[in-house]
Every structure is written in C-alpha cells, then in structure tokens.
Amino acid sequence: MKWTDTQEIAIQLADEHPDVDPRNINFMDLRQWVMELPEFDDDPNRSGERILEAIQAAWMEEADVDD
C-alpha cells in the first residue's frame, strides 16, 4: 500500500482506531499511524500535507463524520 492509496488507508485506519475522531487527529500522528499499518510499504518521505489531508478526508467519509 502506498501513500496514494488514500481510500484503503482510511479503511484500515478506521478499523485500527475505531474510537478516534479523524477530525481531531494531528498530521504527525496520522503520518505515524499510516506508516505502522501492516500493508503499508512506501517511502516515509513521500508524504506531505496534501496526501495527509486526503487520507484524513477519506477517513472522515469512512467514519461517516459530519462536518
């Protein structure tokens, strides 16, 4: 799984951290959690704010969080 697999990452994060509200996570924690996912295999330096925002948005959608 790569940084660009935002939907798959979001699904796995929702499964791994069911009690976390994705609206309240900071990007440093989000980045670390993504890198800790068992299927994640990408260069840590390829992540950026834009990618992390996309992952967060997909996670919010997966968790069905209202804005």
PDB file of N, CA and C in Angstrom:
ATOM      1  N   MET A   1       0.854  -1.169   0.000  1.00  0.00           N
ATOM      2  CA  MET A   1       0.000   0.000   0.000  1.00  0.00           C
ATOM      3  C   MET A   1       0.903   1.236   0.000  1.00  0.00           C
ATOM      4  N   LYS A   2       0.542   2.205  -0.810  1.00  0.00           N
ATOM      5  CA  LYS A   2       1.317   3.437  -0.967  1.00  0.00           C
ATOM      6  C   LYS A   2       0.535   4.627  -0.427  1.00  0.00           C
ATOM      7  N   TRP A   3       1.236   5.752  -0.285  1.00  0.00           N
ATOM      8  CA  TRP A   3       0.592   6.977   0.218  1.00  0.00           C
ATOM      9  C   TRP A   3      -0.634   7.350  -0.609  1.00  0.00           C
ATOM     10  N   THR A   4      -0.597   7.071  -1.889  1.00  0.00           N
ATOM     11  CA  THR A   4      -1.698   7.473  -2.768  1.00  0.00           C
ATOM     12  C   THR A   4      -2.929   6.571  -2.644  1.00  0.00           C
ATOM     13  N   ASP A   5      -2.829   5.493  -1.913  1.00  0.00           N
ATOM     14  CA  ASP A   5      -3.968   4.595  -1.695  1.00  0.00           C
ATOM     15  C   ASP A   5      -4.824   5.113  -0.543  1.00  0.00           C
ATOM     16  N   THR A   6      -5.278   6.338  -0.682  1.00  0.00           N
ATOM     17  CA  THR A   6      -5.925   7.043   0.421  1.00  0.00           C
ATOM     18  C   THR A   6      -7.169   6.322   0.946  1.00  0.00           C
ATOM     19  N   GLN A   7      -7.972   5.771   0.053  1.00  0.00           N
ATOM     20  CA  GLN A   7      -9.203   5.110   0.496  1.00  0.00           C
ATOM     21  C   GLN A   7      -8.885   3.852   1.294  1.00  0.00           C
ATOM     22  N   GLU A   8      -7.974   3.045   0.796  1.00  0.00           N
ATOM     23  CA  GLU A   8      -7.597   1.822   1.510  1.00  0.00           C
ATOM     24  C   GLU A   8      -6.955   2.155   2.859  1.00  0.00           C
ATOM     25  N   ILE A   9      -6.122   3.178   2.884  1.00  0.00           N
ATOM     26  CA  ILE A   9      -5.508   3.616   4.146  1.00  0.00           C
ATOM     27  C   ILE A   9      -6.595   4.042   5.128  1.00  0.00           C
ATOM     28  N   ALA A  10      -7.561   4.811   4.641  1.00  0.00           N
ATOM     29  CA  ALA A  10      -8.645   5.292   5.504  1.00  0.00           C
ATOM     30  C   ALA A  10      -9.442   4.134   6.089  1.00  0.00           C
ATOM     31  N   ILE A  11      -9.720   3.137   5.294  1.00  0.00           N
ATOM     32  CA  ILE A  11     -10.465   1.969   5.769  1.00  0.00           C
ATOM     33  C   ILE A  11      -9.686   1.260   6.868  1.00  0.00           C
ATOM     34  N   GLN A  12      -8.399   1.077   6.640  1.00  0.00           N
ATOM     35  CA  GLN A  12      -7.587   0.389   7.640  1.00  0.00           C
ATOM     36  C   GLN A  12      -7.432   1.216   8.914  1.00  0.00           C
ATOM     37  N   LEU A  13      -7.283   2.535   8.765  1.00  0.00           N
ATOM     38  CA  LEU A  13      -7.185   3.388   9.957  1.00  0.00           C
ATOM     39  C   LEU A  13      -8.477   3.348  10.769  1.00  0.00           C
ATOM     40  N   ALA A  14      -9.604   3.351  10.081  1.00  0.00           N
ATOM     41  CA  ALA A  14     -10.890   3.278  10.774  1.00  0.00           C
ATOM     42  C   ALA A  14     -11.013   1.963  11.542  1.00  0.00           C
ATOM     43  N   ASP A  15     -10.502   0.891  10.958  1.00  0.00           N
ATOM     44  CA  ASP A  15     -10.529  -0.415  11.640  1.00  0.00           C
ATOM     45  C   ASP A  15      -9.564  -0.461  12.817  1.00  0.00           C
ATOM     46  N   GLU A  16      -8.385   0.118  12.631  1.00  0.00           N
ATOM     47  CA  GLU A  16      -7.340   0.079  13.660  1.00  0.00           C
ATOM     48  C   GLU A  16      -7.622   1.032  14.830  1.00  0.00           C
ATOM     49  N   HIS A  17      -8.303   2.134  14.546  1.00  0.00           N
ATOM     50  CA  HIS A  17      -8.531   3.172  15.556  1.00  0.00           C
ATOM     51  C   HIS A  17     -10.015   3.572  15.575  1.00  0.00           C
ATOM     52  N   PRO A  18     -10.885   2.634  15.954  1.00  0.00           N
ATOM     53  CA  PRO A  18     -12.329   2.897  15.871  1.00  0.00           C
ATOM     54  C   PRO A  18     -12.831   3.990  16.813  1.00  0.00           C
ATOM     55  N   ASP A  19     -12.096   4.275  17.873  1.00  0.00           N
ATOM     56  CA  ASP A  19     -12.547   5.277  18.843  1.00  0.00           C
ATOM     57  C   ASP A  19     -11.995   6.671  18.580  1.00  0.00           C
ATOM     58  N   VAL A  20     -11.257   6.829  17.481  1.00  0.00           N
ATOM     59  CA  VAL A  20     -10.635   8.117  17.159  1.00  0.00           C
ATOM     60  C   VAL A  20     -11.525   8.894  16.198  1.00  0.00           C
ATOM     61  N   ASP A  21     -11.747  10.155  16.497  1.00  0.00           N
ATOM     62  CA  ASP A  21     -12.459  11.049  15.590  1.00  0.00           C
ATOM     63  C   ASP A  21     -11.417  11.610  14.619  1.00  0.00           C
ATOM     64  N   PRO A  22     -11.485  11.255  13.341  1.00  0.00           N
ATOM     65  CA  PRO A  22     -10.457  11.685  12.392  1.00  0.00           C
ATOM     66  C   PRO A  22     -10.365  13.202  12.221  1.00  0.00           C
ATOM     67  N   ARG A  23     -11.392  13.923  12.655  1.00  0.00           N
ATOM     68  CA  ARG A  23     -11.330  15.391  12.565  1.00  0.00           C
ATOM     69  C   ARG A  23     -10.333  15.963  13.553  1.00  0.00           C
ATOM     70  N   ASN A  24     -10.030  15.206  14.601  1.00  0.00           N
ATOM     71  CA  ASN A  24      -9.211  15.724  15.689  1.00  0.00           C
ATOM     72  C   ASN A  24      -7.779  15.207  15.700  1.00  0.00           C
ATOM     73  N   ILE A  25      -7.386  14.457  14.694  1.00  0.00           N
ATOM     74  CA  ILE A  25      -6.030  13.906  14.694  1.00  0.00           C
ATOM     75  C   ILE A  25      -5.058  14.891  14.048  1.00  0.00           C
ATOM     76  N   ASN A  26      -3.876  15.002  14.642  1.00  0.00           N
ATOM     77  CA  ASN A  26      -2.876  15.881  14.031  1.00  0.00           C
ATOM     78  C   ASN A  26      -2.105  15.090  12.984  1.00  0.00           C
ATOM     79  N   PHE A  27      -1.506  15.807  12.057  1.00  0.00           N
ATOM     80  CA  PHE A  27      -0.860  15.150  10.929  1.00  0.00           C
ATOM     81  C   PHE A  27       0.367  14.337  11.324  1.00  0.00           C
ATOM     82  N   MET A  28       1.036  14.705  12.392  1.00  0.00           N
ATOM     83  CA  MET A  28       2.193  13.906  12.837  1.00  0.00           C
ATOM     84  C   MET A  28       1.740  12.517  13.283  1.00  0.00           C
ATOM     85  N   ASP A  29       0.648  12.461  14.048  1.00  0.00           N
ATOM     86  CA  ASP A  29       0.105  11.171  14.479  1.00  0.00           C
ATOM     87  C   ASP A  29      -0.440  10.389  13.291  1.00  0.00           C
ATOM     88  N   LEU A  30      -1.163  11.070  12.425  1.00  0.00           N
ATOM     89  CA  LEU A  30      -1.738  10.415  11.252  1.00  0.00           C
ATOM     90  C   LEU A  30      -0.638   9.776  10.408  1.00  0.00           C
ATOM     91  N   ARG A  31       0.410  10.513  10.155  1.00  0.00           N
ATOM     92  CA  ARG A  31       1.538  10.008   9.359  1.00  0.00           C
ATOM     93  C   ARG A  31       2.134   8.763  10.023  1.00  0.00           C
ATOM     94  N   GLN A  32       2.323   8.805  11.327  1.00  0.00           N
ATOM     95  CA  GLN A  32       2.889   7.670  12.047  1.00  0.00           C
ATOM     96  C   GLN A  32       1.967   6.456  11.977  1.00  0.00           C
ATOM     97  N   TRP A  33       0.682   6.667  12.172  1.00  0.00           N
ATOM     98  CA  TRP A  33      -0.277   5.562  12.132  1.00  0.00           C
ATOM     99  C   TRP A  33      -0.313   4.916  10.759  1.00  0.00           C
ATOM    100  N   VAL A  34      -0.237   5.736   9.705  1.00  0.00           N
ATOM    101  CA  VAL A  34      -0.220   5.179   8.349  1.00  0.00           C
ATOM    102  C   VAL A  34       1.010   4.296   8.178  1.00  0.00           C
ATOM    103  N   MET A  35       2.167   4.782   8.594  1.00  0.00           N
ATOM    104  CA  MET A  35       3.400   4.020   8.421  1.00  0.00           C
ATOM    105  C   MET A  35       3.406   2.735   9.243  1.00  0.00           C
ATOM    106  N   GLU A  36       2.606   2.674  10.306  1.00  0.00           N
ATOM    107  CA  GLU A  36       2.520   1.480  11.148  1.00  0.00           C
ATOM    108  C   GLU A  36       1.532   0.436  10.615  1.00  0.00           C
ATOM    109  N   LEU A  37       0.747   0.782   9.600  1.00  0.00           N
ATOM    110  CA  LEU A  37      -0.203  -0.181   9.045  1.00  0.00           C
ATOM    111  C   LEU A  37       0.567  -1.358   8.447  1.00  0.00           C
ATOM    112  N   PRO A  38       0.099  -2.590   8.695  1.00  0.00           N
ATOM    113  CA  PRO A  38       0.833  -3.785   8.257  1.00  0.00           C
ATOM    114  C   PRO A  38       1.099  -3.839   6.748  1.00  0.00           C
ATOM    115  N   GLU A  39       0.173  -3.377   5.948  1.00  0.00           N
ATOM    116  CA  GLU A  39       0.316  -3.472   4.495  1.00  0.00           C
ATOM    117  C   GLU A  39       0.992  -2.250   3.878  1.00  0.00           C
ATOM    118  N   PHE A  40       1.322  -1.259   4.697  1.00  0.00           N
ATOM    119  CA  PHE A  40       1.924  -0.039   4.161  1.00  0.00           C
ATOM    120  C   PHE A  40       3.388  -0.287   3.820  1.00  0.00           C
ATOM    121  N   ASP A  41       3.758   0.110   2.595  1.00  0.00           N
ATOM    122  CA  ASP A  41       5.126  -0.093   2.135  1.00  0.00           C
ATOM    123  C   ASP A  41       5.486   1.015   1.148  1.00  0.00           C
ATOM    124  N   ASP A  42       5.776   2.190   1.683  1.00  0.00           N
ATOM    125  CA  ASP A  42       6.146   3.316   0.832  1.00  0.00           C
ATOM    126  C   ASP A  42       7.187   4.152   1.574  1.00  0.00           C
ATOM    127  N   ASP A  43       7.836   5.003   0.838  1.00  0.00           N
ATOM    128  CA  ASP A  43       8.866   5.879   1.394  1.00  0.00           C
ATOM    129  C   ASP A  43       8.205   6.904   2.318  1.00  0.00           C
ATOM    130  N   PRO A  44       8.611   6.948   3.599  1.00  0.00           N
ATOM    131  CA  PRO A  44       8.023   7.913   4.533  1.00  0.00           C
ATOM    132  C   PRO A  44       8.175   9.363   4.068  1.00  0.00           C
ATOM    133  N   ASN A  45       9.193   9.635   3.297  1.00  0.00           N
ATOM    134  CA  ASN A  45       9.434  11.000   2.831  1.00  0.00           C
ATOM    135  C   ASN A  45       8.515  11.419   1.689  1.00  0.00           C
ATOM    136  N   ARG A  46       7.719  10.518   1.186  1.00  0.00           N
ATOM    137  CA  ARG A  46       6.796  10.850   0.096  1.00  0.00           C
ATOM    138  C   ARG A  46       5.483  11.425   0.600  1.00  0.00           C
ATOM    139  N   SER A  47       5.293  11.436   1.897  1.00  0.00           N
ATOM    140  CA  SER A  47       4.060  12.007   2.436  1.00  0.00           C
ATOM    141  C   SER A  47       4.208  13.521   2.543  1.00  0.00           C
ATOM    142  N   GLY A  48       3.089  14.181   2.433  1.00  0.00           N
ATOM    143  CA  GLY A  48       3.050  15.624   2.587  1.00  0.00           C
ATOM    144  C   GLY A  48       1.689  16.032   3.080  1.00  0.00           C
ATOM    145  N   GLU A  49       1.532  17.317   3.290  1.00  0.00           N
ATOM    146  CA  GLU A  49       0.273  17.810   3.835  1.00  0.00           C
ATOM    147  C   GLU A  49      -0.913  17.461   2.941  1.00  0.00           C
ATOM    148  N   ARG A  50      -0.735  17.562   1.647  1.00  0.00           N
ATOM    149  CA  ARG A  50      -1.825  17.279   0.709  1.00  0.00           C
ATOM    150  C   ARG A  50      -2.282  15.818   0.807  1.00  0.00           C
ATOM    151  N   ILE A  51      -1.322  14.909   0.856  1.00  0.00           N
ATOM    152  CA  ILE A  51      -1.645  13.475   0.984  1.00  0.00           C
ATOM    153  C   ILE A  51      -2.338  13.199   2.316  1.00  0.00           C
ATOM    154  N   LEU A  52      -1.801  13.776   3.389  1.00  0.00           N
ATOM    155  CA  LEU A  52      -2.390  13.554   4.714  1.00  0.00           C
ATOM    156  C   LEU A  52      -3.799  14.128   4.796  1.00  0.00           C
ATOM    157  N   GLU A  53      -4.031  15.263   4.158  1.00  0.00           N
ATOM    158  CA  GLU A  53      -5.388  15.831   4.119  1.00  0.00           C
ATOM    159  C   GLU A  53      -6.332  14.896   3.376  1.00  0.00           C
ATOM    160  N   ALA A  54      -5.868  14.306   2.287  1.00  0.00           N
ATOM    161  CA  ALA A  54      -6.707  13.386   1.517  1.00  0.00           C
ATOM    162  C   ALA A  54      -7.029  12.139   2.329  1.00  0.00           C
ATOM    163  N   ILE A  55      -6.041  11.638   3.060  1.00  0.00           N
ATOM    164  CA  ILE A  55      -6.274  10.473   3.918  1.00  0.00           C
ATOM    165  C   ILE A  55      -7.270  10.815   5.020  1.00  0.00           C
ATOM    166  N   GLN A  56      -7.089  11.972   5.635  1.00  0.00           N
ATOM    167  CA  GLN A  56      -7.993  12.400   6.700  1.00  0.00           C
ATOM    168  C   GLN A  56      -9.423  12.545   6.165  1.00  0.00           C
ATOM    169  N   ALA A  57      -9.577  13.151   4.999  1.00  0.00           N
ATOM    170  CA  ALA A  57     -10.905  13.326   4.410  1.00  0.00           C
ATOM    171  C   ALA A  57     -11.554  11.981   4.103  1.00  0.00           C
ATOM    172  N   ALA A  58     -10.771  11.046   3.573  1.00  0.00           N
ATOM    173  CA  ALA A  58     -11.305   9.711   3.271  1.00  0.00           C
ATOM    174  C   ALA A  58     -11.693   8.987   4.554  1.00  0.00           C
ATOM    175  N   TRP A  59     -10.896   9.164   5.602  1.00  0.00           N
ATOM    176  CA  TRP A  59     -11.200   8.543   6.894  1.00  0.00           C
ATOM    177  C   TRP A  59     -12.484   9.136   7.468  1.00  0.00           C
ATOM    178  N   MET A  60     -12.647  10.444   7.343  1.00  0.00           N
ATOM    179  CA  MET A  60     -13.878  11.073   7.829  1.00  0.00           C
ATOM    180  C   MET A  60     -15.080  10.520   7.085  1.00  0.00           C
ATOM    181  N   GLU A  61     -14.930  10.334   5.792  1.00  0.00           N
ATOM    182  CA  GLU A  61     -16.023   9.782   4.988  1.00  0.00           C
ATOM    183  C   GLU A  61     -16.295   8.338   5.417  1.00  0.00           C
ATOM    184  N   GLU A  62     -15.244   7.578   5.617  1.00  0.00           N
ATOM    185  CA  GLU A  62     -15.381   6.178   6.041  1.00  0.00           C
ATOM    186  C   GLU A  62     -16.061   6.103   7.412  1.00  0.00           C
ATOM    187  N   ALA A  63     -15.723   7.024   8.296  1.00  0.00           N
ATOM    188  CA  ALA A  63     -16.304   7.035   9.644  1.00  0.00           C
ATOM    189  C   ALA A  63     -17.668   7.732   9.652  1.00  0.00           C
ATOM    190  N   ASP A  64     -18.071   8.267   8.504  1.00  0.00           N
ATOM    191  CA  ASP A  64     -19.340   8.972   8.358  1.00  0.00           C
ATOM    192  C   ASP A  64     -19.446  10.114   9.361  1.00  0.00           C
ATOM    193  N   VAL A  65     -18.393  10.929   9.395  1.00  0.00           N
ATOM    194  CA  VAL A  65     -18.338  12.094  10.290  1.00  0.00           C
ATOM    195  C   VAL A  65     -18.945  13.292   9.576  1.00  0.00           C
ATOM    196  N   ASP A  66     -19.864  13.957  10.243  1.00  0.00           N
ATOM    197  CA  ASP A  66     -20.466  15.157   9.675  1.00  0.00           C
ATOM    198  C   ASP A  66     -19.547  16.354   9.921  1.00  0.00           C
ATOM    199  N   ASP A  67     -19.494  17.242   8.931  1.00  0.00           N
ATOM    200  CA  ASP A  67     -18.678  18.451   9.072  1.00  0.00           C
ATOM    201  C   ASP A  67     -19.299  19.430  10.020  1.00  0.00           C
TER     202      ASP A  67
END
